[in-house]
Amino acid sequence: MNNYLGIGVEAEIALKFHLAREENPEKFNSRLHNKGVYLKMSIGKMMQRGSSDSSRDLSKVMVLEVDKERVKIPSGVEGIIILNIKSWMAGCDGWGAEKDDKFKAPAMNDGLLEVIGVQGVMHLG
């Protein structure tokens, strides 16, 4: 694997974008336009926040297990990103510039997968 897997809010937006692009491929002919459509879909999702089915608290509907140990998903996490690259979704960086001695910087060749929890569209980048 040399990419990422999104579960929850990120995957929902990506699927919506993919289906729209398959339905009207002629409308998705430039990178800038595609990013604009993705932004519009993300803002629409953000505006739905609080409606009954607009977001799902993954801590209530899934179990996360890492290295055969159950990891508690914090309440309010709407998306899980599993990756072995430094960024996802056209450059979103889950680590930022801050240095934390507790964790190593992610690297494609370290044999590890990183797991990130996001609390909605705003955490996607």
N, C-alpha and C. Protein backbone atom coordinates (compact mmCIF):
# COMPACT_ATOMS: atom_id res chain seq x y z
N MET A 1 0.85 -1.18 0.00
CA MET A 1 0.00 0.00 0.00
C MET A 1 0.89 1.24 0.00
N ASN A 2 0.61 2.16 -0.85
CA ASN A 2 1.34 3.43 -0.82
C ASN A 2 0.38 4.59 -1.01
N ASN A 3 -0.70 4.52 -0.31
CA ASN A 3 -1.71 5.57 -0.41
C ASN A 3 -2.44 5.66 0.92
N TYR A 4 -3.75 5.86 0.87
CA TYR A 4 -4.51 5.97 2.11
C TYR A 4 -5.91 5.39 1.93
N LEU A 5 -6.54 5.13 3.05
CA LEU A 5 -7.91 4.65 3.08
C LEU A 5 -8.69 5.54 4.02
N GLY A 6 -9.78 6.09 3.55
CA GLY A 6 -10.63 6.93 4.38
C GLY A 6 -11.92 6.19 4.73
N ILE A 7 -12.33 6.31 5.97
CA ILE A 7 -13.58 5.72 6.46
C ILE A 7 -14.38 6.85 7.09
N GLY A 8 -15.66 6.93 6.77
CA GLY A 8 -16.49 7.96 7.38
C GLY A 8 -16.65 9.17 6.50
N VAL A 9 -16.50 10.36 7.09
CA VAL A 9 -16.83 11.61 6.41
C VAL A 9 -15.99 11.81 5.14
N GLU A 10 -14.71 11.52 5.17
CA GLU A 10 -13.85 11.70 3.99
C GLU A 10 -14.30 10.77 2.87
N ALA A 11 -14.58 9.53 3.22
CA ALA A 11 -15.02 8.56 2.22
C ALA A 11 -16.38 8.93 1.63
N GLU A 12 -17.25 9.48 2.46
CA GLU A 12 -18.57 9.89 1.99
C GLU A 12 -18.47 10.99 0.93
N ILE A 13 -17.61 11.98 1.18
CA ILE A 13 -17.42 13.06 0.22
C ILE A 13 -16.74 12.53 -1.05
N ALA A 14 -15.74 11.67 -0.89
CA ALA A 14 -15.03 11.10 -2.04
C ALA A 14 -15.99 10.29 -2.92
N LEU A 15 -16.88 9.51 -2.31
CA LEU A 15 -17.85 8.72 -3.08
C LEU A 15 -18.82 9.63 -3.82
N LYS A 16 -19.30 10.66 -3.15
CA LYS A 16 -20.21 11.61 -3.79
C LYS A 16 -19.55 12.26 -5.01
N PHE A 17 -18.29 12.66 -4.86
CA PHE A 17 -17.53 13.25 -5.97
C PHE A 17 -17.36 12.24 -7.10
N HIS A 18 -16.97 11.03 -6.76
CA HIS A 18 -16.76 9.97 -7.77
C HIS A 18 -18.04 9.69 -8.57
N LEU A 19 -19.16 9.58 -7.88
CA LEU A 19 -20.43 9.30 -8.57
C LEU A 19 -20.82 10.46 -9.48
N ALA A 20 -20.60 11.70 -9.02
CA ALA A 20 -20.91 12.87 -9.86
C ALA A 20 -20.02 12.88 -11.09
N ARG A 21 -18.77 12.53 -10.92
CA ARG A 21 -17.83 12.52 -12.05
C ARG A 21 -18.18 11.42 -13.04
N GLU A 22 -18.60 10.27 -12.54
CA GLU A 22 -19.01 9.19 -13.45
C GLU A 22 -20.28 9.55 -14.22
N GLU A 23 -21.18 10.26 -13.57
CA GLU A 23 -22.45 10.63 -14.20
C GLU A 23 -22.24 11.69 -15.30
N ASN A 24 -21.33 12.62 -15.09
CA ASN A 24 -21.08 13.71 -16.04
C ASN A 24 -19.57 13.91 -16.24
N PRO A 25 -18.88 12.97 -16.86
CA PRO A 25 -17.42 13.09 -16.98
C PRO A 25 -16.97 14.35 -17.73
N GLU A 26 -17.80 14.84 -18.64
CA GLU A 26 -17.42 16.02 -19.41
C GLU A 26 -17.32 17.28 -18.55
N LYS A 27 -17.97 17.28 -17.39
CA LYS A 27 -17.93 18.44 -16.49
C LYS A 27 -16.69 18.45 -15.60
N PHE A 28 -15.96 17.35 -15.57
CA PHE A 28 -14.79 17.22 -14.69
C PHE A 28 -13.52 17.17 -15.54
N ASN A 29 -13.25 18.28 -16.22
CA ASN A 29 -12.16 18.28 -17.18
C ASN A 29 -10.98 19.15 -16.78
N SER A 30 -10.99 19.69 -15.58
CA SER A 30 -9.82 20.45 -15.12
C SER A 30 -9.62 20.23 -13.63
N ARG A 31 -8.38 20.24 -13.23
CA ARG A 31 -8.04 20.02 -11.83
C ARG A 31 -8.63 21.11 -10.94
N LEU A 32 -8.58 22.35 -11.40
CA LEU A 32 -9.12 23.46 -10.62
C LEU A 32 -10.63 23.31 -10.44
N HIS A 33 -11.33 22.96 -11.50
CA HIS A 33 -12.78 22.75 -11.41
C HIS A 33 -13.09 21.60 -10.46
N ASN A 34 -12.34 20.51 -10.58
CA ASN A 34 -12.56 19.35 -9.71
C ASN A 34 -12.39 19.73 -8.24
N LYS A 35 -11.36 20.52 -7.94
CA LYS A 35 -11.15 20.96 -6.55
C LYS A 35 -12.30 21.84 -6.09
N GLY A 36 -12.83 22.66 -7.00
CA GLY A 36 -13.97 23.50 -6.66
C GLY A 36 -15.21 22.68 -6.34
N VAL A 37 -15.44 21.63 -7.12
CA VAL A 37 -16.58 20.74 -6.87
C VAL A 37 -16.40 20.03 -5.53
N TYR A 38 -15.19 19.57 -5.27
CA TYR A 38 -14.90 18.89 -4.00
C TYR A 38 -15.13 19.85 -2.83
N LEU A 39 -14.69 21.10 -3.00
CA LEU A 39 -14.89 22.11 -1.96
C LEU A 39 -16.38 22.35 -1.73
N LYS A 40 -17.14 22.47 -2.80
CA LYS A 40 -18.58 22.70 -2.69
C LYS A 40 -19.26 21.54 -1.95
N MET A 41 -18.86 20.31 -2.28
CA MET A 41 -19.43 19.14 -1.60
C MET A 41 -19.04 19.13 -0.13
N SER A 42 -17.82 19.52 0.16
CA SER A 42 -17.35 19.55 1.56
C SER A 42 -18.10 20.61 2.36
N ILE A 43 -18.30 21.77 1.77
CA ILE A 43 -19.06 22.83 2.45
C ILE A 43 -20.49 22.38 2.68
N GLY A 44 -21.08 21.72 1.68
CA GLY A 44 -22.44 21.20 1.84
C GLY A 44 -22.53 20.23 2.99
N LYS A 45 -21.52 19.37 3.12
CA LYS A 45 -21.49 18.40 4.23
C LYS A 45 -21.34 19.13 5.56
N MET A 46 -20.52 20.16 5.57
CA MET A 46 -20.31 20.93 6.80
C MET A 46 -21.60 21.62 7.23
N MET A 47 -22.37 22.13 6.27
CA MET A 47 -23.61 22.82 6.57
C MET A 47 -24.68 21.86 7.10
N GLN A 48 -24.57 20.58 6.77
CA GLN A 48 -25.52 19.58 7.25
C GLN A 48 -25.25 19.19 8.70
N ARG A 49 -24.11 19.56 9.22
CA ARG A 49 -23.70 19.15 10.57
C ARG A 49 -24.82 19.42 11.56
N GLY A 50 -25.11 18.42 12.35
CA GLY A 50 -26.16 18.56 13.34
C GLY A 50 -27.46 17.92 12.92
N SER A 51 -27.68 17.75 11.61
CA SER A 51 -28.89 17.03 11.20
C SER A 51 -28.68 15.55 11.52
N SER A 52 -29.75 14.83 11.67
CA SER A 52 -29.70 13.48 12.24
C SER A 52 -28.79 12.52 11.50
N ASP A 53 -28.73 12.54 10.19
CA ASP A 53 -27.89 11.58 9.49
C ASP A 53 -26.74 12.24 8.73
N SER A 54 -26.42 13.50 9.03
CA SER A 54 -25.38 14.19 8.29
C SER A 54 -23.98 13.75 8.70
N SER A 55 -23.83 13.29 9.92
CA SER A 55 -22.52 12.83 10.37
C SER A 55 -22.72 11.67 11.32
N ARG A 56 -21.70 10.88 11.42
CA ARG A 56 -21.80 9.70 12.27
C ARG A 56 -20.61 9.67 13.21
N ASP A 57 -20.89 9.55 14.47
CA ASP A 57 -19.86 9.41 15.49
C ASP A 57 -19.35 7.97 15.40
N LEU A 58 -18.15 7.79 14.83
CA LEU A 58 -17.63 6.45 14.61
C LEU A 58 -17.38 5.68 15.90
N SER A 59 -17.23 6.40 17.02
CA SER A 59 -17.01 5.70 18.29
C SER A 59 -18.24 4.87 18.68
N LYS A 60 -19.38 5.19 18.09
CA LYS A 60 -20.61 4.46 18.41
C LYS A 60 -20.92 3.35 17.43
N VAL A 61 -20.22 3.32 16.28
CA VAL A 61 -20.60 2.35 15.25
C VAL A 61 -19.46 1.45 14.78
N MET A 62 -18.25 1.65 15.28
CA MET A 62 -17.16 0.78 14.83
C MET A 62 -16.16 0.54 15.95
N VAL A 63 -15.36 -0.48 15.76
CA VAL A 63 -14.29 -0.83 16.69
C VAL A 63 -12.98 -0.70 15.92
N LEU A 64 -11.99 -0.08 16.53
CA LEU A 64 -10.67 0.08 15.91
C LEU A 64 -9.70 -0.82 16.66
N GLU A 65 -9.01 -1.66 15.91
CA GLU A 65 -8.02 -2.54 16.51
C GLU A 65 -6.69 -2.32 15.81
N VAL A 66 -5.65 -2.04 16.59
CA VAL A 66 -4.32 -1.80 16.07
C VAL A 66 -3.36 -2.75 16.76
N ASP A 67 -2.60 -3.51 15.98
CA ASP A 67 -1.66 -4.50 16.53
C ASP A 67 -2.33 -5.41 17.56
N LYS A 68 -3.53 -5.89 17.21
CA LYS A 68 -4.32 -6.81 18.03
C LYS A 68 -4.79 -6.21 19.36
N GLU A 69 -4.73 -4.89 19.47
CA GLU A 69 -5.22 -4.21 20.67
C GLU A 69 -6.32 -3.24 20.28
N ARG A 70 -7.40 -3.25 21.04
CA ARG A 70 -8.50 -2.33 20.79
C ARG A 70 -8.09 -0.92 21.19
N VAL A 71 -8.36 0.03 20.29
CA VAL A 71 -8.04 1.43 20.53
C VAL A 71 -9.36 2.18 20.67
N LYS A 72 -9.50 2.94 21.75
CA LYS A 72 -10.73 3.70 21.96
C LYS A 72 -10.78 4.85 20.96
N ILE A 73 -11.86 4.92 20.21
CA ILE A 73 -12.08 6.02 19.28
C ILE A 73 -12.72 7.14 20.09
N PRO A 74 -12.11 8.31 20.12
CA PRO A 74 -12.71 9.41 20.89
C PRO A 74 -14.10 9.78 20.37
N SER A 75 -14.96 10.18 21.26
CA SER A 75 -16.30 10.62 20.88
C SER A 75 -16.19 11.80 19.92
N GLY A 76 -17.03 11.82 18.91
CA GLY A 76 -17.04 12.91 17.95
C GLY A 76 -16.20 12.67 16.71
N VAL A 77 -15.43 11.60 16.68
CA VAL A 77 -14.63 11.30 15.48
C VAL A 77 -15.58 10.84 14.39
N GLU A 78 -15.55 11.56 13.25
CA GLU A 78 -16.43 11.26 12.13
C GLU A 78 -15.70 10.59 10.98
N GLY A 79 -14.39 10.50 11.07
CA GLY A 79 -13.63 9.86 10.00
C GLY A 79 -12.33 9.30 10.52
N ILE A 80 -11.92 8.19 9.91
CA ILE A 80 -10.63 7.55 10.22
C ILE A 80 -9.87 7.50 8.90
N ILE A 81 -8.61 7.94 8.93
CA ILE A 81 -7.74 7.87 7.77
C ILE A 81 -6.60 6.92 8.14
N ILE A 82 -6.38 5.90 7.30
CA ILE A 82 -5.28 4.95 7.49
C ILE A 82 -4.34 5.17 6.31
N LEU A 83 -3.07 5.49 6.60
CA LEU A 83 -2.17 5.82 5.51
C LEU A 83 -0.73 5.47 5.82
N ASN A 84 0.07 5.39 4.77
CA ASN A 84 1.51 5.23 4.94
C ASN A 84 2.27 6.30 4.16
N ILE A 85 1.59 7.38 3.86
CA ILE A 85 2.20 8.53 3.21
C ILE A 85 1.99 9.75 4.11
N LYS A 86 2.74 10.80 3.88
CA LYS A 86 2.69 11.96 4.78
C LYS A 86 1.40 12.76 4.64
N SER A 87 0.74 12.68 3.50
CA SER A 87 -0.46 13.48 3.32
C SER A 87 -1.50 12.68 2.54
N TRP A 88 -2.72 13.20 2.52
CA TRP A 88 -3.80 12.55 1.78
C TRP A 88 -4.68 13.62 1.16
N MET A 89 -5.60 13.21 0.31
CA MET A 89 -6.60 14.08 -0.29
C MET A 89 -5.98 15.36 -0.85
N ALA A 90 -5.11 15.21 -1.82
CA ALA A 90 -4.48 16.34 -2.53
C ALA A 90 -3.63 17.22 -1.62
N GLY A 91 -2.99 16.63 -0.61
CA GLY A 91 -2.03 17.39 0.18
C GLY A 91 -2.38 17.68 1.62
N CYS A 92 -3.46 17.13 2.15
CA CYS A 92 -3.79 17.34 3.57
C CYS A 92 -2.70 16.70 4.43
N ASP A 93 -2.16 17.46 5.35
CA ASP A 93 -1.08 17.00 6.20
C ASP A 93 -1.60 16.88 7.63
N GLY A 94 -1.75 15.67 8.11
CA GLY A 94 -2.29 15.43 9.44
C GLY A 94 -1.32 15.73 10.57
N TRP A 95 -0.07 16.01 10.23
CA TRP A 95 0.93 16.21 11.26
C TRP A 95 1.31 17.67 11.42
N GLY A 96 1.22 18.44 10.38
CA GLY A 96 1.57 19.84 10.44
C GLY A 96 3.05 20.05 10.73
N ALA A 97 3.41 21.25 11.11
CA ALA A 97 4.81 21.59 11.33
C ALA A 97 5.27 21.31 12.76
N GLU A 98 4.33 21.05 13.65
CA GLU A 98 4.71 20.83 15.05
C GLU A 98 5.49 19.53 15.20
N LYS A 99 6.51 19.56 16.05
CA LYS A 99 7.30 18.36 16.31
C LYS A 99 6.86 17.79 17.65
N ASP A 100 6.70 16.48 17.66
CA ASP A 100 6.29 15.79 18.88
C ASP A 100 7.27 14.64 19.10
N ASP A 101 8.00 14.67 20.18
CA ASP A 101 8.99 13.63 20.45
C ASP A 101 8.36 12.28 20.75
N LYS A 102 7.05 12.27 21.00
CA LYS A 102 6.35 11.03 21.33
C LYS A 102 6.18 10.12 20.09
N PHE A 103 6.11 10.74 18.90
CA PHE A 103 5.88 9.98 17.68
C PHE A 103 6.95 10.27 16.65
N LYS A 104 7.27 9.24 15.84
CA LYS A 104 8.17 9.44 14.72
C LYS A 104 7.41 10.07 13.56
N ALA A 105 8.11 10.81 12.73
CA ALA A 105 7.49 11.37 11.52
C ALA A 105 7.11 10.22 10.59
N PRO A 106 5.97 10.31 9.91
CA PRO A 106 5.55 9.23 9.02
C PRO A 106 6.49 9.13 7.82
N ALA A 107 6.69 7.90 7.36
CA ALA A 107 7.53 7.65 6.19
C ALA A 107 6.97 6.46 5.42
N MET A 108 7.03 6.54 4.10
CA MET A 108 6.48 5.47 3.26
C MET A 108 7.21 4.15 3.46
N ASN A 109 8.47 4.18 3.81
CA ASN A 109 9.27 2.96 3.85
C ASN A 109 9.54 2.45 5.26
N ASP A 110 8.77 2.88 6.25
CA ASP A 110 9.03 2.44 7.62
C ASP A 110 8.25 1.18 8.01
N GLY A 111 7.41 0.68 7.09
CA GLY A 111 6.66 -0.54 7.37
C GLY A 111 5.47 -0.33 8.30
N LEU A 112 5.13 0.92 8.59
CA LEU A 112 4.04 1.23 9.51
C LEU A 112 2.90 1.92 8.77
N LEU A 113 1.70 1.77 9.32
CA LEU A 113 0.53 2.52 8.86
C LEU A 113 0.15 3.49 9.96
N GLU A 114 -0.13 4.72 9.58
CA GLU A 114 -0.59 5.71 10.54
C GLU A 114 -2.12 5.70 10.55
N VAL A 115 -2.70 5.97 11.70
CA VAL A 115 -4.15 6.03 11.84
C VAL A 115 -4.49 7.40 12.43
N ILE A 116 -5.33 8.14 11.70
CA ILE A 116 -5.72 9.49 12.11
C ILE A 116 -7.23 9.55 12.26
N GLY A 117 -7.70 10.15 13.32
CA GLY A 117 -9.12 10.41 13.49
C GLY A 117 -9.42 11.86 13.19
N VAL A 118 -10.49 12.13 12.43
CA VAL A 118 -10.88 13.51 12.13
C VAL A 118 -12.28 13.75 12.65
N GLN A 119 -12.51 14.96 13.13
CA GLN A 119 -13.81 15.33 13.68
C GLN A 119 -14.58 16.21 12.72
N GLY A 120 -14.81 15.70 11.52
CA GLY A 120 -15.60 16.42 10.55
C GLY A 120 -14.79 16.99 9.41
N VAL A 121 -15.48 17.68 8.53
CA VAL A 121 -14.90 18.20 7.30
C VAL A 121 -13.75 19.17 7.58
N MET A 122 -13.85 19.99 8.59
CA MET A 122 -12.82 21.00 8.87
C MET A 122 -11.46 20.36 9.18
N HIS A 123 -11.44 19.15 9.69
CA HIS A 123 -10.18 18.47 9.99
C HIS A 123 -9.57 17.82 8.77
N LEU A 124 -10.25 17.85 7.65
CA LEU A 124 -9.73 17.21 6.45
C LEU A 124 -8.70 18.07 5.72
N GLY A 125 -8.53 19.27 6.12
CA GLY A 125 -7.48 20.06 5.50
C GLY A 125 -7.95 21.38 5.10
